[in-house]
C-alpha atoms as a PDB file:
ATOM      1  CA  MET A   1     129.277  99.504 107.147  1.00  0.00           C
ATOM      2  CA  ALA A   2     127.013  97.879 109.745  1.00  0.00           C
ATOM      3  CA  VAL A   3     124.443 100.069 111.248  1.00  0.00           C
ATOM      4  CA  PRO A   4     123.545  99.414 114.861  1.00  0.00           C
ATOM      5  CA  ASP A   5     120.004  98.667 115.435  1.00  0.00           C
ATOM      6  CA  PRO A   6     118.412 101.419 117.582  1.00  0.00           C
ATOM      7  CA  LEU A   7     115.657  99.182 118.664  1.00  0.00           C
ATOM      8  CA  LYS A   8     118.316  97.657 120.938  1.00  0.00           C
ATOM      9  CA  HIS A   9     120.449 100.698 121.883  1.00  0.00           C
ATOM     10  CA  ASN A  10     118.652 104.001 121.364  1.00  0.00           C
ATOM     11  CA  CYS A  11     116.851 104.104 124.662  1.00  0.00           C
ATOM     12  CA  ALA A  12     119.784 105.869 126.154  1.00  0.00           C
ATOM     13  CA  ARG A  13     119.697 108.802 123.773  1.00  0.00           C
ATOM     14  CA  ASP A  14     119.193 112.375 125.136  1.00  0.00           C
ATOM     15  CA  GLU A  15     115.531 113.065 125.632  1.00  0.00           C
ATOM     16  CA  SER A  16     115.692 116.704 126.453  1.00  0.00           C
ATOM     17  CA  PRO A  17     112.949 119.025 125.149  1.00  0.00           C
ATOM     18  CA  VAL A  18     113.327 120.287 121.633  1.00  0.00           C
ATOM     19  CA  VAL A  19     112.264 123.404 119.814  1.00  0.00           C
ATOM     20  CA  PRO A  20     110.535 122.992 116.433  1.00  0.00           C
ATOM     21  CA  THR A  21     113.086 123.599 113.749  1.00  0.00           C
ATOM     22  CA  LEU A  22     111.208 122.350 110.585  1.00  0.00           C
ATOM     23  CA  VAL A  23     109.706 125.344 108.914  1.00  0.00           C
ATOM     24  CA  ASP A  24     108.835 125.351 105.150  1.00  0.00           C
ATOM     25  CA  PRO A  25     109.371 128.269 102.656  1.00  0.00           C
ATOM     26  CA  PHE A  26     105.839 129.434 103.559  1.00  0.00           C
ATOM     27  CA  GLY A  27     106.253 129.668 107.317  1.00  0.00           C
ATOM     28  CA  ARG A  28     104.428 126.543 108.119  1.00  0.00           C
ATOM     29  CA  ALA A  29     105.856 124.503 110.955  1.00  0.00           C
ATOM     30  CA  ILE A  30     106.050 120.850 109.895  1.00  0.00           C
ATOM     31  CA  SER A  31     105.200 119.006 113.115  1.00  0.00           C
ATOM     32  CA  TYR A  32     103.183 115.931 111.876  1.00  0.00           C
ATOM     33  CA  LEU A  33     104.792 112.930 110.227  1.00  0.00           C
ATOM     34  CA  ARG A  34     102.946 110.056 108.610  1.00  0.00           C
ATOM     35  CA  VAL A  35     105.150 106.965 108.089  1.00  0.00           C
ATOM     36  CA  SER A  36     104.171 103.900 106.003  1.00  0.00           C
ATOM     37  CA  VAL A  37     105.662 100.869 107.687  1.00  0.00           C
ATOM     38  CA  THR A  38     104.605  98.471 104.825  1.00  0.00           C
ATOM     39  CA  ASP A  39     103.125  98.610 101.391  1.00  0.00           C
ATOM     40  CA  ARG A  40     101.262  95.355 102.097  1.00  0.00           C
ATOM     41  CA  CYS A  41      97.600  95.180 102.822  1.00  0.00           C
ATOM     42  CA  ASP A  42      95.105  92.384 103.291  1.00  0.00           C
ATOM     43  CA  PHE A  43      92.344  94.497 101.479  1.00  0.00           C
ATOM     44  CA  ARG A  44      92.364  95.643  97.912  1.00  0.00           C
ATOM     45  CA  CYS A  45      90.274  98.842  98.144  1.00  0.00           C
ATOM     46  CA  ALA A  46      89.327 100.125  94.784  1.00  0.00           C
ATOM     47  CA  TYR A  47      90.273 103.796  95.335  1.00  0.00           C
ATOM     48  CA  CYS A  48      93.640 102.968  97.003  1.00  0.00           C
ATOM     49  CA  MET A  49      95.375 100.157  95.026  1.00  0.00           C
ATOM     50  CA  SER A  50      96.011  99.311  91.401  1.00  0.00           C
ATOM     51  CA  PRO A  51      94.135  96.148  90.272  1.00  0.00           C
ATOM     52  CA  ASP A  52      97.440  94.535  89.323  1.00  0.00           C
ATOM     53  CA  MET A  53      99.294  95.715  92.521  1.00  0.00           C
ATOM     54  CA  THR A  54     102.580  94.077  93.226  1.00  0.00           C
ATOM     55  CA  PHE A  55     104.429  94.461  96.448  1.00  0.00           C
ATOM     56  CA  LEU A  56     108.033  95.575  97.169  1.00  0.00           C
ATOM     57  CA  PRO A  57     110.767  93.123  97.765  1.00  0.00           C
ATOM     58  CA  LYS A  58     111.939  92.967 101.445  1.00  0.00           C
ATOM     59  CA  SER A  59     115.352  94.463 100.635  1.00  0.00           C
ATOM     60  CA  GLU A  60     113.862  97.774  99.597  1.00  0.00           C
ATOM     61  CA  VAL A  61     111.770  98.208 102.777  1.00  0.00           C
ATOM     62  CA  LEU A  62     113.187  99.859 105.811  1.00  0.00           C
ATOM     63  CA  THR A  63     113.825  97.692 108.875  1.00  0.00           C
ATOM     64  CA  LEU A  64     112.034  98.314 112.001  1.00  0.00           C
ATOM     65  CA  GLY A  65     115.296  99.712 113.338  1.00  0.00           C
ATOM     66  CA  GLU A  66     115.668 102.110 110.482  1.00  0.00           C
ATOM     67  CA  LEU A  67     112.083 103.223 110.873  1.00  0.00           C
ATOM     68  CA  ASP A  68     112.782 103.871 114.474  1.00  0.00           C
ATOM     69  CA  ARG A  69     115.880 105.931 113.593  1.00  0.00           C
ATOM     70  CA  LEU A  70     113.936 107.884 110.896  1.00  0.00           C
ATOM     71  CA  CYS A  71     110.975 108.678 113.157  1.00  0.00           C
ATOM     72  CA  SER A  72     113.420 109.643 115.954  1.00  0.00           C
ATOM     73  CA  ALA A  73     115.276 112.007 113.689  1.00  0.00           C
ATOM     74  CA  PHE A  74     112.072 113.850 112.973  1.00  0.00           C
ATOM     75  CA  VAL A  75     111.287 113.983 116.650  1.00  0.00           C
ATOM     76  CA  ASP A  76     114.712 115.511 117.126  1.00  0.00           C
ATOM     77  CA  LEU A  77     113.705 118.173 114.675  1.00  0.00           C
ATOM     78  CA  GLY A  78     110.437 119.030 116.317  1.00  0.00           C
ATOM     79  CA  THR A  79     107.813 116.525 115.155  1.00  0.00           C
ATOM     80  CA  ARG A  80     105.092 116.305 117.704  1.00  0.00           C
ATOM     81  CA  LYS A  81     102.619 113.872 116.091  1.00  0.00           C
ATOM     82  CA  LEU A  82     103.609 110.584 114.539  1.00  0.00           C
ATOM     83  CA  ARG A  83     101.042 108.440 112.645  1.00  0.00           C
ATOM     84  CA  LEU A  84     101.994 104.981 111.320  1.00  0.00           C
ATOM     85  CA  THR A  85     100.178 103.837 108.262  1.00  0.00           C
ATOM     86  CA  GLY A  86     100.490 101.354 105.308  1.00  0.00           C
ATOM     87  CA  GLY A  87      99.271  99.409 103.491  1.00  0.00           C
ATOM     88  CA  GLU A  88      97.839  97.979 106.638  1.00  0.00           C
ATOM     89  CA  PRO A  89     100.407  98.797 109.357  1.00  0.00           C
ATOM     90  CA  LEU A  90      99.323  95.906 111.691  1.00  0.00           C
ATOM     91  CA  MET A  91     100.328  93.430 108.869  1.00  0.00           C
ATOM     92  CA  ARG A  92     104.010  94.428 109.372  1.00  0.00           C
ATOM     93  CA  ARG A  93     105.797  91.524 111.142  1.00  0.00           C
ATOM     94  CA  ASP A  94     106.640  92.624 114.806  1.00  0.00           C
ATOM     95  CA  VAL A  95     105.315  96.042 114.203  1.00  0.00           C
ATOM     96  CA  LEU A  96     104.424  96.163 117.981  1.00  0.00           C
ATOM     97  CA  LYS A  97     108.157  96.457 118.763  1.00  0.00           C
ATOM     98  CA  LEU A  98     108.284  99.716 116.696  1.00  0.00           C
ATOM     99  CA  PHE A  99     105.291 101.153 118.732  1.00  0.00           C
ATOM    100  CA  GLN A 100     107.014 100.093 121.970  1.00  0.00           C
ATOM    101  CA  GLN A 101     110.272 101.833 121.093  1.00  0.00           C
ATOM    102  CA  LEU A 102     108.631 104.914 119.773  1.00  0.00           C
ATOM    103  CA  SER A 103     106.681 105.301 122.960  1.00  0.00           C
ATOM    104  CA  ARG A 104     109.820 106.443 124.698  1.00  0.00           C
ATOM    105  CA  HIS A 105     109.241 109.797 123.008  1.00  0.00           C
ATOM    106  CA  LEU A 106     105.800 109.933 124.624  1.00  0.00           C
ATOM    107  CA  ASP A 107     107.313 109.157 127.975  1.00  0.00           C
ATOM    108  CA  SER A 108     109.783 111.964 127.563  1.00  0.00           C
ATOM    109  CA  GLY A 109     107.214 114.539 126.476  1.00  0.00           C
ATOM    110  CA  ARG A 110     108.947 115.115 123.195  1.00  0.00           C
ATOM    111  CA  LEU A 111     106.091 113.534 121.285  1.00  0.00           C
ATOM    112  CA  ASP A 112     102.442 114.593 121.794  1.00  0.00           C
ATOM    113  CA  GLU A 113     100.790 111.644 119.982  1.00  0.00           C
ATOM    114  CA  LEU A 114     101.628 108.220 118.547  1.00  0.00           C
ATOM    115  CA  THR A 115      98.819 106.854 116.563  1.00  0.00           C
ATOM    116  CA  LEU A 116      97.850 104.790 113.369  1.00  0.00           C
ATOM    117  CA  THR A 117      95.368 104.505 110.608  1.00  0.00           C
ATOM    118  CA  THR A 118      94.114 100.952 110.104  1.00  0.00           C
ATOM    119  CA  ASN A 119      91.530  99.024 108.143  1.00  0.00           C
ATOM    120  CA  GLY A 120      90.609  97.388 111.435  1.00  0.00           C
ATOM    121  CA  SER A 121      91.075  93.750 110.273  1.00  0.00           C
ATOM    122  CA  ARG A 122      93.669  92.976 112.962  1.00  0.00           C
ATOM    123  CA  LEU A 123      92.456  95.355 115.726  1.00  0.00           C
ATOM    124  CA  ALA A 124      90.926  92.494 117.857  1.00  0.00           C
ATOM    125  CA  GLU A 125      94.440  91.163 118.372  1.00  0.00           C
ATOM    126  CA  PHE A 126      96.286  94.477 118.673  1.00  0.00           C
ATOM    127  CA  ALA A 127      93.975  96.995 120.327  1.00  0.00           C
ATOM    128  CA  GLN A 128      94.965  96.353 123.882  1.00  0.00           C
ATOM    129  CA  LYS A 129      98.716  96.033 123.039  1.00  0.00           C
ATOM    130  CA  LEU A 130      98.644  99.314 121.201  1.00  0.00           C
ATOM    131  CA  ALA A 131      97.015 100.987 124.273  1.00  0.00           C
ATOM    132  CA  ASP A 132      99.758  99.514 126.421  1.00  0.00           C
ATOM    133  CA  CYS A 133     102.316 101.342 124.108  1.00  0.00           C
ATOM    134  CA  GLY A 134     100.693 104.688 124.673  1.00  0.00           C
ATOM    135  CA  VAL A 135      98.431 104.773 121.658  1.00  0.00           C
ATOM    136  CA  ARG A 136      95.353 106.716 122.723  1.00  0.00           C
ATOM    137  CA  ARG A 137      93.543 107.438 119.447  1.00  0.00           C
ATOM    138  CA  ILE A 138      93.302 105.617 116.171  1.00  0.00           C
ATOM    139  CA  ASN A 139      91.672 106.068 112.753  1.00  0.00           C
ATOM    140  CA  VAL A 140      89.731 103.245 111.184  1.00  0.00           C
ATOM    141  CA  SER A 141      88.945 103.246 107.454  1.00  0.00           C
ATOM    142  CA  LEU A 142      85.318 102.095 107.006  1.00  0.00           C
ATOM    143  CA  ASP A 143      83.262 103.039 103.930  1.00  0.00           C
ATOM    144  CA  THR A 144      80.070 101.006 104.415  1.00  0.00           C
ATOM    145  CA  LEU A 145      78.075  98.970 106.993  1.00  0.00           C
ATOM    146  CA  ASP A 146      76.666  96.690 104.353  1.00  0.00           C
ATOM    147  CA  CYS A 147      78.587  93.316 104.341  1.00  0.00           C
ATOM    148  CA  ARG A 148      78.109  92.786 100.602  1.00  0.00           C
ATOM    149  CA  LYS A 149      79.213  96.164  99.589  1.00  0.00           C
ATOM    150  CA  PHE A 150      82.097  96.043 102.102  1.00  0.00           C
ATOM    151  CA  ARG A 151      83.459  92.995 100.388  1.00  0.00           C
ATOM    152  CA  ALA A 152      82.991  94.581  97.034  1.00  0.00           C
ATOM    153  CA  ILE A 153      84.896  97.735  97.869  1.00  0.00           C
ATOM    154  CA  THR A 154      87.680  96.068  99.813  1.00  0.00           C
ATOM    155  CA  GLY A 155      88.003  93.086  97.399  1.00  0.00           C
ATOM    156  CA  ARG A 156      88.071  90.591 100.250  1.00  0.00           C
ATOM    157  CA  GLY A 157      87.295  92.235 103.597  1.00  0.00           C
ATOM    158  CA  ASP A 158      85.175  90.790 106.345  1.00  0.00           C
ATOM    159  CA  LEU A 159      82.992  93.614 107.863  1.00  0.00           C
ATOM    160  CA  GLN A 160      82.209  91.550 110.969  1.00  0.00           C
ATOM    161  CA  GLN A 161      85.938  91.100 111.609  1.00  0.00           C
ATOM    162  CA  VAL A 162      86.508  94.868 111.322  1.00  0.00           C
ATOM    163  CA  LEU A 163      83.601  95.565 113.683  1.00  0.00           C
ATOM    164  CA  ARG A 164      84.927  93.073 116.283  1.00  0.00           C
ATOM    165  CA  GLY A 165      88.204  95.011 115.994  1.00  0.00           C
ATOM    166  CA  ILE A 166      86.431  98.321 116.745  1.00  0.00           C
ATOM    167  CA  ASP A 167      84.759  96.766 119.676  1.00  0.00           C
ATOM    168  CA  ALA A 168      88.181  95.644 121.015  1.00  0.00           C
ATOM    169  CA  ALA A 169      89.566  99.134 120.527  1.00  0.00           C
ATOM    170  CA  GLN A 170      86.751 100.601 122.557  1.00  0.00           C
ATOM    171  CA  ARG A 171      87.286  98.015 125.282  1.00  0.00           C
ATOM    172  CA  ALA A 172      90.972  98.955 125.430  1.00  0.00           C
ATOM    173  CA  GLY A 173      90.089 102.578 125.939  1.00  0.00           C
ATOM    174  CA  LEU A 174      91.126 103.782 122.528  1.00  0.00           C
ATOM    175  CA  SER A 175      89.369 106.880 120.990  1.00  0.00           C
ATOM    176  CA  VAL A 176      88.150 105.744 117.556  1.00  0.00           C
ATOM    177  CA  LYS A 177      87.602 108.005 114.481  1.00  0.00           C
ATOM    178  CA  ILE A 178      85.987 106.518 111.493  1.00  0.00           C
ATOM    179  CA  ASN A 179      87.291 107.647 108.093  1.00  0.00           C
ATOM    180  CA  THR A 180      84.751 107.210 105.267  1.00  0.00           C
ATOM    181  CA  VAL A 181      85.554 107.865 101.584  1.00  0.00           C
ATOM    182  CA  ALA A 182      82.640 109.263  99.801  1.00  0.00           C
ATOM    183  CA  VAL A 183      82.257 107.162  96.564  1.00  0.00           C
ATOM    184  CA  LYS A 184      79.760 108.112  93.910  1.00  0.00           C
ATOM    185  CA  ASN A 185      76.946 105.505  93.301  1.00  0.00           C
ATOM    186  CA  PHE A 186      78.509 103.387  96.038  1.00  0.00           C
ATOM    187  CA  ASN A 187      77.993 104.716  99.591  1.00  0.00           C
ATOM    188  CA  GLU A 188      76.464 108.111  99.078  1.00  0.00           C
ATOM    189  CA  ASP A 189      72.969 106.832 100.243  1.00  0.00           C
ATOM    190  CA  GLU A 190      74.636 105.439 103.412  1.00  0.00           C
ATOM    191  CA  ILE A 191      76.360 108.548 104.742  1.00  0.00           C
ATOM    192  CA  GLY A 192      73.469 109.556 106.902  1.00  0.00           C
ATOM    193  CA  SER A 193      73.169 106.156 108.536  1.00  0.00           C
ATOM    194  CA  MET A 194      76.945 106.027 108.925  1.00  0.00           C
ATOM    195  CA  ILE A 195      76.891 109.249 110.875  1.00  0.00           C
ATOM    196  CA  VAL A 196      74.157 107.971 113.167  1.00  0.00           C
ATOM    197  CA  TRP A 197      75.984 104.709 113.808  1.00  0.00           C
ATOM    198  CA  ALA A 198      79.371 106.343 114.452  1.00  0.00           C
ATOM    199  CA  HIS A 199      77.996 108.937 116.831  1.00  0.00           C
ATOM    200  CA  GLY A 200      75.767 106.375 118.466  1.00  0.00           C
ATOM    201  CA  ARG A 201      79.123 104.532 119.320  1.00  0.00           C
ATOM    202  CA  GLY A 202      80.783 107.798 120.461  1.00  0.00           C
ATOM    203  CA  PHE A 203      83.019 107.982 117.445  1.00  0.00           C
ATOM    204  CA  ASP A 204      83.928 111.098 115.371  1.00  0.00           C
ATOM    205  CA  LEU A 205      83.430 110.471 111.644  1.00  0.00           C
ATOM    206  CA  SER A 206      85.325 112.127 108.771  1.00  0.00           C
ATOM    207  CA  LEU A 207      84.236 112.100 105.244  1.00  0.00           C
ATOM    208  CA  ILE A 208      86.932 112.160 102.623  1.00  0.00           C
ATOM    209  CA  GLU A 209      86.845 113.057  98.917  1.00  0.00           C
ATOM    210  CA  ILE A 210      88.281 110.658  96.439  1.00  0.00           C
ATOM    211  CA  MET A 211      91.826 111.913  95.438  1.00  0.00           C
ATOM    212  CA  PRO A 212      93.085 111.933  91.846  1.00  0.00           C
ATOM    213  CA  MET A 213      95.983 109.613  92.335  1.00  0.00           C
ATOM    214  CA  GLY A 214      96.791 106.711  89.939  1.00  0.00           C
ATOM    215  CA  GLU A 215      94.266 105.913  87.173  1.00  0.00           C
ATOM    216  CA  ILE A 216      92.387 109.211  86.686  1.00  0.00           C
ATOM    217  CA  GLU A 217      89.538 107.627  84.712  1.00  0.00           C
ATOM    218  CA  ARG A 218      88.480 105.487  87.593  1.00  0.00           C
ATOM    219  CA  ARG A 219      88.618 108.524  89.924  1.00  0.00           C
ATOM    220  CA  ALA A 220      86.325 110.530  87.661  1.00  0.00           C
ATOM    221  CA  ASP A 221      83.665 107.771  87.918  1.00  0.00           C
ATOM    222  CA  GLN A 222      84.174 107.564  91.773  1.00  0.00           C
ATOM    223  CA  TYR A 223      84.451 111.194  92.652  1.00  0.00           C
ATOM    224  CA  LEU A 224      81.661 112.688  94.866  1.00  0.00           C
ATOM    225  CA  PRO A 225      82.252 116.284  95.856  1.00  0.00           C
ATOM    226  CA  LEU A 226      81.665 116.855  99.508  1.00  0.00           C
ATOM    227  CA  ASP A 227      80.004 120.227  98.969  1.00  0.00           C
ATOM    228  CA  LEU A 228      77.112 118.247  97.444  1.00  0.00           C
ATOM    229  CA  VAL A 229      77.237 115.708 100.283  1.00  0.00           C
ATOM    230  CA  ARG A 230      77.100 118.504 102.842  1.00  0.00           C
ATOM    231  CA  ARG A 231      74.060 120.147 101.227  1.00  0.00           C
ATOM    232  CA  ARG A 232      72.258 116.799 101.146  1.00  0.00           C
ATOM    233  CA  LEU A 233      73.036 116.168 104.801  1.00  0.00           C
ATOM    234  CA  ALA A 234      71.828 119.710 105.762  1.00  0.00           C
ATOM    235  CA  GLU A 235      68.379 118.603 104.596  1.00  0.00           C
ATOM    236  CA  LYS A 236      68.340 115.981 107.362  1.00  0.00           C
ATOM    237  CA  PHE A 237      70.711 117.140 109.987  1.00  0.00           C
ATOM    238  CA  THR A 238      71.585 120.412 111.791  1.00  0.00           C
ATOM    239  CA  LEU A 239      75.250 121.009 111.062  1.00  0.00           C
ATOM    240  CA  VAL A 240      76.835 123.701 113.256  1.00  0.00           C
ATOM    241  CA  GLU A 241      80.452 124.642 112.431  1.00  0.00           C
ATOM    242  CA  SER A 242      82.857 123.700 115.267  1.00  0.00           C
ATOM    243  CA  ALA A 243      86.117 125.253 116.270  1.00  0.00           C
ATOM    244  CA  TYR A 244      87.421 121.817 117.105  1.00  0.00           C
ATOM    245  CA  CYS A 245      90.502 120.645 115.157  1.00  0.00           C
ATOM    246  CA  THR A 246      93.197 118.145 115.189  1.00  0.00           C
ATOM    247  CA  SER A 247      96.557 118.302 113.528  1.00  0.00           C
ATOM    248  CA  GLY A 248      94.913 116.822 110.386  1.00  0.00           C
ATOM    249  CA  PRO A 249      93.094 118.512 107.493  1.00  0.00           C
ATOM    250  CA  ALA A 250      89.354 117.976 108.485  1.00  0.00           C
ATOM    251  CA  ARG A 251      87.019 120.869 108.880  1.00  0.00           C
ATOM    252  CA  TYR A 252      84.510 119.847 111.751  1.00  0.00           C
ATOM    253  CA  PHE A 253      80.857 120.357 112.301  1.00  0.00           C
ATOM    254  CA  ARG A 254      78.705 119.377 115.293  1.00  0.00           C
ATOM    255  CA  VAL A 255      75.629 117.380 114.296  1.00  0.00           C
ATOM    256  CA  GLY A 256      72.608 118.696 116.321  1.00  0.00           C
ATOM    257  CA  GLU A 257      70.548 115.465 116.187  1.00  0.00           C
ATOM    258  CA  THR A 258      73.378 113.325 117.408  1.00  0.00           C
ATOM    259  CA  GLY A 259      75.660 115.468 119.240  1.00  0.00           C
ATOM    260  CA  GLY A 260      78.601 114.115 117.489  1.00  0.00           C
ATOM    261  CA  ARG A 261      81.414 115.490 115.360  1.00  0.00           C
ATOM    262  CA  LEU A 262      81.491 115.232 111.541  1.00  0.00           C
ATOM    263  CA  GLY A 263      84.693 116.153 109.706  1.00  0.00           C
ATOM    264  CA  PHE A 264      84.994 117.044 105.975  1.00  0.00           C
ATOM    265  CA  ILE A 265      88.293 116.349 104.294  1.00  0.00           C
ATOM    266  CA  THR A 266      88.059 118.155 100.919  1.00  0.00           C
ATOM    267  CA  PRO A 267      91.346 118.230  98.888  1.00  0.00           C
ATOM    268  CA  LEU A 268      89.434 119.087  95.714  1.00  0.00           C
ATOM    269  CA  THR A 269      86.437 121.270  96.580  1.00  0.00           C
ATOM    270  CA  HIS A 270      88.251 123.308  99.338  1.00  0.00           C
ATOM    271  CA  ASN A 271      91.975 122.542  99.690  1.00  0.00           C
ATOM    272  CA  PHE A 272      93.547 122.811 103.076  1.00  0.00           C
ATOM    273  CA  CYS A 273      97.161 123.615 101.894  1.00  0.00           C
ATOM    274  CA  GLU A 274      97.535 126.897 103.760  1.00  0.00           C
ATOM    275  CA  SER A 275      97.642 125.118 107.056  1.00  0.00           C
ATOM    276  CA  CYS A 276      99.575 122.087 106.027  1.00  0.00           C
ATOM    277  CA  ASN A 277     101.843 120.928 108.767  1.00  0.00           C
ATOM    278  CA  ARG A 278     102.689 117.355 107.607  1.00  0.00           C
ATOM    279  CA  VAL A 279     104.759 115.257 105.274  1.00  0.00           C
ATOM    280  CA  ARG A 280     104.786 111.517 104.465  1.00  0.00           C
ATOM    281  CA  VAL A 281     107.422 108.882 104.387  1.00  0.00           C
ATOM    282  CA  THR A 282     107.084 105.682 102.561  1.00  0.00           C
ATOM    283  CA  CYS A 283     108.251 102.288 103.710  1.00  0.00           C
ATOM    284  CA  THR A 284     111.228 102.541 101.404  1.00  0.00           C
ATOM    285  CA  GLY A 285     112.392 105.827 103.025  1.00  0.00           C
ATOM    286  CA  THR A 286     111.044 108.236 100.353  1.00  0.00           C
ATOM    287  CA  LEU A 287     109.922 111.499 101.820  1.00  0.00           C
ATOM    288  CA  TYR A 288     106.910 113.031  99.971  1.00  0.00           C
ATOM    289  CA  LEU A 289     106.527 116.728 100.748  1.00  0.00           C
ATOM    290  CA  CYS A 290     102.948 116.893  99.542  1.00  0.00           C
ATOM    291  CA  LEU A 291     100.400 114.209  98.904  1.00  0.00           C
ATOM    292  CA  GLY A 292      99.303 115.928  95.647  1.00  0.00           C
ATOM    293  CA  GLN A 293     102.719 116.571  94.172  1.00  0.00           C
ATOM    294  CA  SER A 294     105.638 114.286  93.040  1.00  0.00           C
ATOM    295  CA  ASP A 295     108.404 116.386  94.991  1.00  0.00           C
ATOM    296  CA  ALA A 296     110.225 113.704  96.965  1.00  0.00           C
ATOM    297  CA  ALA A 297     113.542 113.092  98.809  1.00  0.00           C
ATOM    298  CA  ASP A 298     115.477 109.874  99.457  1.00  0.00           C
ATOM    299  CA  LEU A 299     116.065 109.337 103.111  1.00  0.00           C
ATOM    300  CA  ARG A 300     117.075 105.710 102.817  1.00  0.00           C
ATOM    301  CA  ALA A 301     120.508 106.464 101.524  1.00  0.00           C
ATOM    302  CA  PRO A 302     121.651 108.923 104.269  1.00  0.00           C
ATOM    303  CA  LEU A 303     119.930 106.608 106.859  1.00  0.00           C
ATOM    304  CA  ARG A 304     122.041 103.661 105.708  1.00  0.00           C
ATOM    305  CA  ASP A 305     125.191 105.545 104.988  1.00  0.00           C
ATOM    306  CA  ASP A 306     125.638 107.574 108.146  1.00  0.00           C
ATOM    307  CA  PRO A 307     125.068 105.771 111.567  1.00  0.00           C
ATOM    308  CA  THR A 308     125.322 109.088 113.408  1.00  0.00           C
ATOM    309  CA  ASP A 309     122.037 110.239 111.629  1.00  0.00           C
ATOM    310  CA  GLU A 310     123.447 113.716 111.140  1.00  0.00           C
ATOM    311  CA  GLY A 311     123.184 113.144 107.336  1.00  0.00           C
ATOM    312  CA  LEU A 312     119.628 112.141 107.735  1.00  0.00           C
ATOM    313  CA  ARG A 313     118.729 115.266 109.661  1.00  0.00           C
ATOM    314  CA  GLN A 314     120.461 117.363 107.058  1.00  0.00           C
ATOM    315  CA  ALA A 315     118.529 115.569 104.270  1.00  0.00           C
ATOM    316  CA  ILE A 316     115.217 116.196 106.117  1.00  0.00           C
ATOM    317  CA  ARG A 317     115.988 119.866 106.607  1.00  0.00           C
ATOM    318  CA  ALA A 318     116.929 120.280 102.874  1.00  0.00           C
ATOM    319  CA  ALA A 319     113.697 118.603 101.823  1.00  0.00           C
ATOM    320  CA  ILE A 320     111.444 120.695 104.037  1.00  0.00           C
ATOM    321  CA  ALA A 321     113.105 123.805 102.578  1.00  0.00           C
ATOM    322  CA  ARG A 322     111.484 123.031  99.151  1.00  0.00           C
ATOM    323  CA  LYS A 323     108.047 121.903 100.322  1.00  0.00           C
ATOM    324  CA  PRO A 324     105.540 123.227  97.713  1.00  0.00           C
ATOM    325  CA  LYS A 325     102.855 125.625  98.692  1.00  0.00           C
ATOM    326  CA  GLY A 326      99.985 123.231  97.751  1.00  0.00           C
ATOM    327  CA  HIS A 327      98.792 120.412  95.652  1.00  0.00           C
ATOM    328  CA  ASP A 328      97.261 120.437  92.157  1.00  0.00           C
ATOM    329  CA  PHE A 329      94.518 117.931  92.549  1.00  0.00           C
ATOM    330  CA  VAL A 330      91.821 118.113  89.912  1.00  0.00           C
ATOM    331  CA  ILE A 331      89.315 115.629  88.543  1.00  0.00           C
ATOM    332  CA  ASP A 332      87.631 115.951  85.192  1.00  0.00           C
ATOM    333  CA  ARG A 333      86.875 113.975  82.150  1.00  0.00           C
ATOM    334  CA  SER A 334      89.133 115.915  79.711  1.00  0.00           C
ATOM    335  CA  GLY A 335      91.498 112.982  79.550  1.00  0.00           C
ATOM    336  CA  ALA A 336      94.242 114.977  81.296  1.00  0.00           C
ATOM    337  CA  PRO A 337      96.677 112.804  83.246  1.00  0.00           C
ATOM    338  CA  SER A 338      96.733 112.717  86.967  1.00  0.00           C
ATOM    339  CA  PRO A 339      99.357 114.984  88.504  1.00  0.00           C
ATOM    340  CA  VAL A 340     100.134 112.102  90.796  1.00  0.00           C
ATOM    341  CA  ALA A 341     100.795 108.801  88.926  1.00  0.00           C
ATOM    342  CA  ARG A 342     101.293 106.720  92.171  1.00  0.00           C
ATOM    343  CA  HIS A 343      98.376 105.091  93.968  1.00  0.00           C
ATOM    344  CA  MET A 344      97.587 106.016  97.527  1.00  0.00           C
ATOM    345  CA  SER A 345      98.886 102.728  98.839  1.00  0.00           C
ATOM    346  CA  HIS A 346     102.247 103.554  97.531  1.00  0.00           C
ATOM    347  CA  THR A 347     102.486 106.773  99.471  1.00  0.00           C
ATOM    348  CA  GLY A 348     100.787 105.492 102.624  1.00  0.00           C
ATOM    349  CA  GLY A 349      97.107 105.864 103.199  1.00  0.00           C
END
């Protein structure tokens, strides 16, 4: 059965206000959706991708029209924040059309925020266009300000290109948050200077622990606990706990010497599962209920089988009804396998 493309016809749908209806078994309202629009990326970050990464055939990846229908079904069910991810989302051909169509939910007031996480390599081209679509805030993944180390961690990235993209984002009026993965024996000596640089530009910065996904032996070598990082930083900076929060998992502090905000995302040392309000969908339409678990639901089949989207909404409700309480992330050297065999790039970073 041919499915009509909502990028062409869905602008006429009823945009009346909705009441959140997605509540998991533990009483958490699921209002935040992260959607990977592509598994492809122009970087090969060591903690994100397998060294022998192969990409999906086009037939398995949702079309832009299907992505719009899927996101809109979540909005119908009470999603208030939508983040597009990848891979690198700005590598997806014509991805701007998807931002343009999804922006109708911002205009109607049914969606509070449409945003993305990017490696910054294409921001110089897209920053103003994203702002024109209603994007107001972006996250940029950046682990070092050293050109040599940047190329080493990304496999092929150009730091200056990313910095030009960040400049373009600022000119476009976008609020930028820097995400930095703390990697043992790689950037732990740079974290203080990253804070000073980010806050000097007016950016929030969040530090993220390596997550045990994919090849666990590599993770054990890379893992740097943020408890240790925080203690080290407290020797140089005044860290004052802040009540500031977003819909994400970061716990924020105000840095006295810079006046900026510093977030800690700690899936291992202090998990944030009790307040989890988010789920993730891959570019193939697989809904993962928890980043650190393998529980999943196929949304591509109901999406393609039922043009009314009622089957899709039913599948989403059924999946949320079995969202687990929390993840089982652990990193040690015992040889135990990772609880999550897939790499971050598969789920959506």
